[in-house]
Amino acid sequence: MTSKRINPLTSGAGALSALGLALLVAIALLVALSAHPLLALRAFFVGPLSSGLAWGNLLNQALLLTLTGLAASLAFGAGSFNLGGEGQTYSGGLAAVAVALVLPVAWGAGGILVALAAGVAAGALLGGLSGWFKVRFDADEMITSFLLSAAAVPLVDAVMTGPGLGAPQSMLIQSRPVAEAFWLPGLLAPSNLHVGVFLALPLLVVFGVLVNHTPWGYRLRLMGRNRDFARYAGISTGFYALMPLGLSGGLHGLAGALGVLGTQHALVQGFSAGWGWNGIAVALIARTNPWAALPAAFLLAFLDQASRTVVLQGQFPFQLSALFQAAILFFITARIVLPRWRKRRAS
């Protein structure tokens, strides 16, 4: 029994074919349902790259999705299915804002690091809790991570408007804004892009090397391929069931902390905008390979920004982005599930 490294070219070819089919579906929908197909196609393909504002929003979304996609890939690659990314992202945002609101302004950049660390810790705690339930009670981590996330989101919504955090004067459901000293510097104003999201790049390199080129990564991949064999080989299956979920939660929490300190500068209801769920889509497209998380995230972010551009120009209904993401997930999961089904039928 061996745990082979995933060949980026081989897995990438399959992902590109699935994305190509999804893109054909998108083009067909635009042509069939838009009153002005050529204008809709131009808005779709050119809109996300047409200005500094568009570029900035595309980069910001893509790098945040790289983080959450990497988070999901680490868990999935070890055979631990983390469906709680949304709640972990939300919790990370809450922890970062809560810490930033109590720290002295004089802390400056040091305060930013402490707030980001608090976000990582909050997400890791929520993710690690699912891992602990798995190790201690053999509870299905898909169910526990989902349920914990489902409980965390409304809890954070309630806390953000509570005593000490709430901003009664605001028209939005949000916390008090953090001091400007703790804002992550913005880029390409007035877009959402800020320097913090570029943390995704070194983290991608670090985890790409760890997963694919170290004994730790070998044991992680072996756990994902065959947990019983990993136990027989002497690997601590309890540790490798808990640790990937903790790491996954920590990266989700970091994404949430970066979002609130770099873009909203406060905890706003719904700020995560589906980053946790879309991270699962990134992991599926990348086939849990950390190296492929960045291009997968850029493709998803481009499709989402392109859909928004078409909608804003009145060429298509608001649900366009959801339709495209559904098409992508359909073809990606079909590519993964159908070969296994055929192999099972043949045996």
Protein backbone atom coordinates (compact mmCIF):
# COMPACT_ATOMS: atom_id res chain seq x y z
CA MET A 1 0.00 0.00 0.00
CA THR A 2 1.49 3.36 -1.03
CA SER A 3 0.31 6.94 -0.82
CA LYS A 4 1.15 8.52 -4.17
CA ARG A 5 1.62 12.20 -4.56
CA ILE A 6 -1.01 13.81 -6.71
CA ASN A 7 0.37 14.82 -10.09
CA PRO A 8 -0.75 18.43 -10.62
CA LEU A 9 -0.78 18.02 -14.42
CA THR A 10 -2.90 14.87 -14.35
CA SER A 11 -5.41 16.14 -11.81
CA GLY A 12 -5.39 19.58 -13.43
CA ALA A 13 -6.37 18.18 -16.81
CA GLY A 14 -9.45 16.54 -15.34
CA ALA A 15 -10.39 19.68 -13.44
CA LEU A 16 -9.97 21.84 -16.53
CA SER A 17 -12.20 19.53 -18.55
CA ALA A 18 -14.90 19.77 -15.89
CA LEU A 19 -14.56 23.56 -15.73
CA GLY A 20 -14.67 23.73 -19.52
CA LEU A 21 -18.00 21.89 -19.55
CA ALA A 22 -19.32 24.22 -16.85
CA LEU A 23 -18.18 27.23 -18.89
CA LEU A 24 -20.00 25.90 -21.94
CA VAL A 25 -23.15 25.65 -19.83
CA ALA A 26 -22.61 29.26 -18.70
CA ILE A 27 -22.21 30.51 -22.27
CA ALA A 28 -25.29 28.58 -23.38
CA LEU A 29 -27.33 30.13 -20.54
CA LEU A 30 -26.11 33.62 -21.39
CA VAL A 31 -26.94 33.23 -25.07
CA ALA A 32 -30.29 31.58 -24.48
CA LEU A 33 -31.65 33.75 -21.67
CA SER A 34 -30.18 37.21 -22.27
CA ALA A 35 -31.93 39.79 -24.42
CA HIS A 36 -28.52 40.95 -25.69
CA PRO A 37 -26.24 37.89 -25.85
CA LEU A 38 -23.14 39.67 -27.20
CA LEU A 39 -23.30 42.35 -24.52
CA ALA A 40 -23.81 39.69 -21.86
CA LEU A 41 -20.83 37.65 -23.10
CA ARG A 42 -18.63 40.75 -23.21
CA ALA A 43 -19.64 41.70 -19.67
CA PHE A 44 -18.97 38.16 -18.50
CA PHE A 45 -15.49 37.74 -19.94
CA VAL A 46 -14.18 41.33 -19.80
CA GLY A 47 -15.98 42.79 -16.76
CA PRO A 48 -13.84 41.21 -13.98
CA LEU A 49 -10.67 42.58 -15.63
CA SER A 50 -11.94 45.96 -16.82
CA SER A 51 -10.72 48.26 -14.02
CA GLY A 52 -8.60 48.52 -10.89
CA LEU A 53 -11.75 48.14 -8.80
CA ALA A 54 -12.67 44.93 -10.61
CA TRP A 55 -9.11 43.56 -10.44
CA GLY A 56 -8.85 44.34 -6.75
CA ASN A 57 -12.12 42.63 -5.87
CA LEU A 58 -11.15 39.61 -7.98
CA LEU A 59 -7.75 39.25 -6.30
CA ASN A 60 -9.22 39.74 -2.84
CA GLN A 61 -11.86 37.07 -3.34
CA ALA A 62 -9.48 34.65 -5.03
CA LEU A 63 -6.86 34.81 -2.28
CA LEU A 64 -9.43 34.43 0.50
CA LEU A 65 -10.87 31.42 -1.34
CA THR A 66 -7.33 30.08 -1.65
CA LEU A 67 -7.11 30.10 2.15
CA THR A 68 -10.46 28.40 2.69
CA GLY A 69 -9.80 25.99 -0.19
CA LEU A 70 -6.43 25.08 1.34
CA ALA A 71 -8.20 24.59 4.67
CA ALA A 72 -10.74 22.21 3.17
CA SER A 73 -8.03 20.38 1.20
CA LEU A 74 -5.97 19.64 4.32
CA ALA A 75 -8.94 18.03 6.02
CA PHE A 76 -10.25 16.18 2.96
CA GLY A 77 -6.78 14.89 2.03
CA ALA A 78 -6.50 13.27 5.46
CA GLY A 79 -9.93 11.65 5.14
CA SER A 80 -11.54 14.13 7.59
CA PHE A 81 -14.46 15.96 6.02
CA ASN A 82 -14.80 19.48 7.38
CA LEU A 83 -18.22 20.93 6.52
CA GLY A 84 -17.97 23.64 9.17
CA GLY A 85 -15.83 26.16 7.33
CA GLU A 86 -18.50 28.84 7.33
CA GLY A 87 -18.92 28.78 11.10
CA GLN A 88 -15.15 28.62 11.62
CA THR A 89 -14.67 31.65 9.37
CA TYR A 90 -17.39 33.51 11.21
CA SER A 91 -15.90 32.62 14.60
CA GLY A 92 -12.46 33.77 13.48
CA GLY A 93 -13.91 37.13 12.50
CA LEU A 94 -15.62 37.49 15.88
CA ALA A 95 -12.46 36.66 17.82
CA ALA A 96 -10.35 39.09 15.78
CA VAL A 97 -12.79 41.96 16.27
CA ALA A 98 -13.29 41.24 19.98
CA VAL A 99 -9.54 41.29 20.59
CA ALA A 100 -8.98 44.39 18.43
CA LEU A 101 -11.67 46.28 20.37
CA VAL A 102 -9.98 45.74 23.73
CA LEU A 103 -6.34 46.18 22.72
CA PRO A 104 -4.69 49.60 23.21
CA VAL A 105 -4.38 51.52 19.94
CA ALA A 106 -0.67 51.96 20.64
CA TRP A 107 -0.13 48.27 19.86
CA GLY A 108 -0.52 49.02 16.14
CA ALA A 109 0.92 46.25 13.96
CA GLY A 110 1.46 44.08 17.01
CA GLY A 111 -2.23 44.34 17.78
CA ILE A 112 -3.04 43.21 14.24
CA LEU A 113 -0.92 40.08 14.73
CA VAL A 114 -2.60 39.34 18.07
CA ALA A 115 -6.07 39.78 16.52
CA LEU A 116 -5.18 37.51 13.60
CA ALA A 117 -3.83 34.91 16.04
CA ALA A 118 -7.12 35.10 17.97
CA GLY A 119 -9.01 34.42 14.74
CA VAL A 120 -6.82 31.41 13.99
CA ALA A 121 -7.30 30.07 17.52
CA ALA A 122 -11.10 30.44 17.39
CA GLY A 123 -11.37 28.60 14.08
CA ALA A 124 -8.93 25.90 15.20
CA LEU A 125 -10.90 25.37 18.41
CA LEU A 126 -14.14 24.87 16.51
CA GLY A 127 -12.53 22.56 13.94
CA GLY A 128 -10.52 20.67 16.55
CA LEU A 129 -13.67 20.08 18.56
CA SER A 130 -15.08 18.02 15.68
CA GLY A 131 -11.82 16.08 15.58
CA TRP A 132 -12.02 15.43 19.32
CA PHE A 133 -15.58 14.15 18.96
CA LYS A 134 -14.29 11.83 16.22
CA VAL A 135 -11.45 10.48 18.35
CA ARG A 136 -13.31 10.31 21.65
CA PHE A 137 -16.77 9.17 20.58
CA ASP A 138 -16.24 8.06 16.95
CA ALA A 139 -18.75 10.74 15.91
CA ASP A 140 -18.95 11.47 12.19
CA GLU A 141 -16.95 14.65 11.63
CA MET A 142 -19.12 15.67 8.67
CA ILE A 143 -22.14 15.85 10.95
CA THR A 144 -20.40 17.40 13.96
CA SER A 145 -18.54 20.04 11.93
CA PHE A 146 -21.75 20.99 10.10
CA LEU A 147 -23.82 21.16 13.29
CA LEU A 148 -21.19 23.17 15.17
CA SER A 149 -21.03 25.60 12.27
CA ALA A 150 -24.82 25.84 12.09
CA ALA A 151 -24.83 26.75 15.79
CA ALA A 152 -21.86 29.14 15.58
CA VAL A 153 -23.25 31.39 12.83
CA PRO A 154 -26.44 32.55 14.63
CA LEU A 155 -24.52 32.74 17.91
CA VAL A 156 -21.99 35.12 16.37
CA ASP A 157 -24.85 37.14 14.83
CA ALA A 158 -26.34 37.52 18.30
CA VAL A 159 -23.05 38.36 20.02
CA MET A 160 -21.99 41.00 17.49
CA THR A 161 -24.92 43.22 18.48
CA GLY A 162 -24.69 42.50 22.21
CA PRO A 163 -23.27 44.59 25.05
CA GLY A 164 -19.70 45.69 24.48
CA LEU A 165 -19.66 44.79 20.78
CA GLY A 166 -22.85 46.17 19.24
CA ALA A 167 -23.15 49.42 17.30
CA PRO A 168 -26.73 50.64 17.92
CA GLN A 169 -26.22 53.73 15.76
CA SER A 170 -25.42 51.66 12.65
CA MET A 171 -28.03 50.86 10.01
CA LEU A 172 -26.41 47.44 9.57
CA ILE A 173 -26.33 44.44 11.87
CA GLN A 174 -22.72 44.77 12.96
CA SER A 175 -20.27 45.27 15.78
CA ARG A 176 -18.47 48.49 16.64
CA PRO A 177 -15.69 49.26 14.15
CA VAL A 178 -12.13 48.51 15.20
CA ALA A 179 -9.61 51.32 15.59
CA GLU A 180 -7.93 52.43 12.36
CA ALA A 181 -4.58 51.39 13.84
CA PHE A 182 -5.68 47.77 13.41
CA TRP A 183 -6.83 48.08 9.79
CA LEU A 184 -4.89 46.08 7.23
CA PRO A 185 -3.60 48.51 4.55
CA GLY A 186 -5.73 48.56 1.42
CA LEU A 187 -4.61 48.27 -2.20
CA LEU A 188 -6.23 49.36 -5.48
CA ALA A 189 -8.77 51.58 -3.74
CA PRO A 190 -11.75 51.61 -3.72
CA SER A 191 -11.63 47.82 -4.13
CA ASN A 192 -11.70 45.37 -1.20
CA LEU A 193 -8.11 44.25 -1.78
CA HIS A 194 -5.71 44.59 1.16
CA VAL A 195 -2.23 43.34 2.02
CA GLY A 196 -3.47 40.71 4.46
CA VAL A 197 -4.89 38.37 1.83
CA PHE A 198 -1.41 37.82 0.39
CA LEU A 199 -0.69 35.68 3.46
CA ALA A 200 -2.41 32.96 1.45
CA LEU A 201 0.62 32.65 -0.85
CA PRO A 202 3.34 31.70 1.67
CA LEU A 203 0.86 29.46 3.50
CA LEU A 204 0.13 27.72 0.21
CA VAL A 205 3.83 27.08 -0.35
CA VAL A 206 4.39 25.89 3.23
CA PHE A 207 1.51 23.41 3.23
CA GLY A 208 2.22 22.35 -0.36
CA VAL A 209 5.74 21.32 0.67
CA LEU A 210 4.60 19.75 3.95
CA VAL A 211 1.86 17.67 2.36
CA ASN A 212 3.79 16.51 -0.69
CA HIS A 213 7.42 16.34 0.45
CA THR A 214 7.63 15.41 4.14
CA PRO A 215 7.02 12.29 6.26
CA TRP A 216 4.23 14.23 8.01
CA GLY A 217 2.52 14.76 4.67
CA TYR A 218 3.00 11.13 3.70
CA ARG A 219 1.25 9.99 6.88
CA LEU A 220 -1.50 12.53 6.26
CA ARG A 221 -2.09 11.26 2.72
CA LEU A 222 -1.95 7.65 3.86
CA MET A 223 -4.67 8.40 6.42
CA GLY A 224 -6.81 9.80 3.65
CA ARG A 225 -6.36 6.77 1.43
CA ASN A 226 -6.73 3.97 3.97
CA ARG A 227 -7.16 4.64 7.67
CA ASP A 228 -7.03 0.94 8.62
CA PHE A 229 -3.73 0.45 6.82
CA ALA A 230 -2.36 3.62 8.44
CA ARG A 231 -3.23 2.20 11.87
CA TYR A 232 -1.57 -1.12 10.93
CA ALA A 233 1.56 0.84 9.88
CA GLY A 234 1.80 2.37 13.34
CA ILE A 235 0.50 5.86 12.53
CA SER A 236 -1.39 7.60 15.33
CA THR A 237 -4.79 7.68 13.65
CA GLY A 238 -6.29 9.64 16.55
CA PHE A 239 -3.78 12.45 16.15
CA TYR A 240 -4.12 12.50 12.36
CA ALA A 241 -7.89 12.59 12.67
CA LEU A 242 -7.87 15.56 15.07
CA MET A 243 -4.93 17.60 13.78
CA PRO A 244 -6.11 18.19 10.15
CA LEU A 245 -9.49 19.42 11.39
CA GLY A 246 -7.76 21.81 13.79
CA LEU A 247 -5.49 23.12 11.03
CA SER A 248 -8.44 23.41 8.67
CA GLY A 249 -10.42 25.37 11.25
CA GLY A 250 -7.43 27.61 11.95
CA LEU A 251 -7.05 28.58 8.29
CA HIS A 252 -10.77 29.27 8.05
CA GLY A 253 -10.51 31.42 11.16
CA LEU A 254 -7.59 33.32 9.61
CA ALA A 255 -9.69 34.03 6.51
CA GLY A 256 -12.43 35.44 8.74
CA ALA A 257 -9.98 37.60 10.68
CA LEU A 258 -8.44 38.95 7.47
CA GLY A 259 -11.90 39.75 6.13
CA VAL A 260 -12.96 41.86 9.10
CA LEU A 261 -9.61 43.63 9.66
CA GLY A 262 -8.95 44.28 5.99
CA THR A 263 -12.32 45.00 4.41
CA GLN A 264 -15.26 45.70 6.73
CA HIS A 265 -13.19 46.87 9.75
CA ALA A 266 -16.08 45.56 11.84
CA LEU A 267 -18.00 42.33 12.25
CA VAL A 268 -20.92 42.61 9.81
CA GLN A 269 -23.67 40.01 9.52
CA GLY A 270 -22.96 37.73 6.57
CA PHE A 271 -19.46 39.18 6.02
CA SER A 272 -18.00 35.80 5.03
CA ALA A 273 -20.17 35.65 1.89
CA GLY A 274 -19.98 31.86 1.63
CA TRP A 275 -16.16 31.62 1.83
CA GLY A 276 -16.38 28.42 3.86
CA TRP A 277 -18.73 26.65 1.46
CA ASN A 278 -16.88 27.91 -1.62
CA GLY A 279 -13.66 26.63 -0.08
CA ILE A 280 -15.13 23.13 -0.37
CA ALA A 281 -15.69 23.76 -4.09
CA VAL A 282 -12.06 24.91 -4.42
CA ALA A 283 -10.86 21.74 -2.67
CA LEU A 284 -12.94 19.56 -4.97
CA ILE A 285 -11.65 21.30 -8.10
CA ALA A 286 -8.08 21.03 -6.77
CA ARG A 287 -8.67 17.39 -5.79
CA THR A 288 -7.32 18.22 -2.31
CA ASN A 289 -3.91 19.12 -3.77
CA PRO A 290 -2.63 22.30 -2.02
CA TRP A 291 -0.69 23.38 -5.12
CA ALA A 292 -3.89 23.48 -7.15
CA ALA A 293 -5.88 25.54 -4.64
CA LEU A 294 -4.71 28.90 -6.04
CA PRO A 295 -5.75 28.39 -9.69
CA ALA A 296 -8.99 26.72 -8.58
CA ALA A 297 -9.78 29.70 -6.34
CA PHE A 298 -9.03 32.16 -9.14
CA LEU A 299 -11.36 30.31 -11.50
CA LEU A 300 -14.20 30.31 -8.98
CA ALA A 301 -13.61 33.97 -8.09
CA PHE A 302 -13.57 34.93 -11.77
CA LEU A 303 -16.86 33.14 -12.41
CA ASP A 304 -18.44 34.82 -9.40
CA GLN A 305 -17.21 38.31 -10.33
CA ALA A 306 -18.19 37.77 -13.97
CA SER A 307 -21.68 36.72 -12.89
CA ARG A 308 -22.02 39.83 -10.73
CA THR A 309 -20.93 42.04 -13.64
CA VAL A 310 -23.56 40.53 -15.93
CA VAL A 311 -26.23 40.94 -13.25
CA LEU A 312 -25.28 44.57 -12.55
CA GLN A 313 -25.53 45.38 -16.26
CA GLY A 314 -29.04 43.97 -16.32
CA GLN A 315 -28.21 41.14 -18.66
CA PHE A 316 -29.24 38.25 -16.42
CA PRO A 317 -31.07 37.47 -13.18
CA PHE A 318 -29.33 37.53 -9.79
CA GLN A 319 -29.16 33.72 -9.51
CA LEU A 320 -26.57 33.45 -12.33
CA SER A 321 -23.59 32.94 -10.01
CA ALA A 322 -25.36 30.14 -8.13
CA LEU A 323 -26.21 28.43 -11.43
CA PHE A 324 -22.58 28.52 -12.57
CA GLN A 325 -21.29 27.19 -9.25
CA ALA A 326 -23.88 24.40 -9.34
CA ALA A 327 -22.74 23.45 -12.85
CA ILE A 328 -19.09 23.40 -11.77
CA LEU A 329 -19.79 21.23 -8.72
CA PHE A 330 -21.92 18.88 -10.80
CA PHE A 331 -19.16 18.21 -13.34
CA ILE A 332 -16.40 18.07 -10.72
CA THR A 333 -18.25 15.60 -8.50
CA ALA A 334 -19.30 13.55 -11.52
CA ARG A 335 -15.63 13.31 -12.50
CA ILE A 336 -14.80 12.01 -9.02
CA VAL A 337 -17.80 9.75 -8.38
CA LEU A 338 -18.40 8.13 -11.79
CA PRO A 339 -14.98 6.39 -12.11
CA ARG A 340 -15.39 4.91 -8.62
CA TRP A 341 -18.93 3.77 -9.45
CA ARG A 342 -17.77 2.11 -12.68
CA LYS A 343 -14.88 0.41 -10.88
CA ARG A 344 -17.28 -0.91 -8.23
CA ARG A 345 -19.67 -2.18 -10.90
CA ALA A 346 -16.85 -3.90 -12.74
CA SER A 347 -15.73 -5.70 -9.60
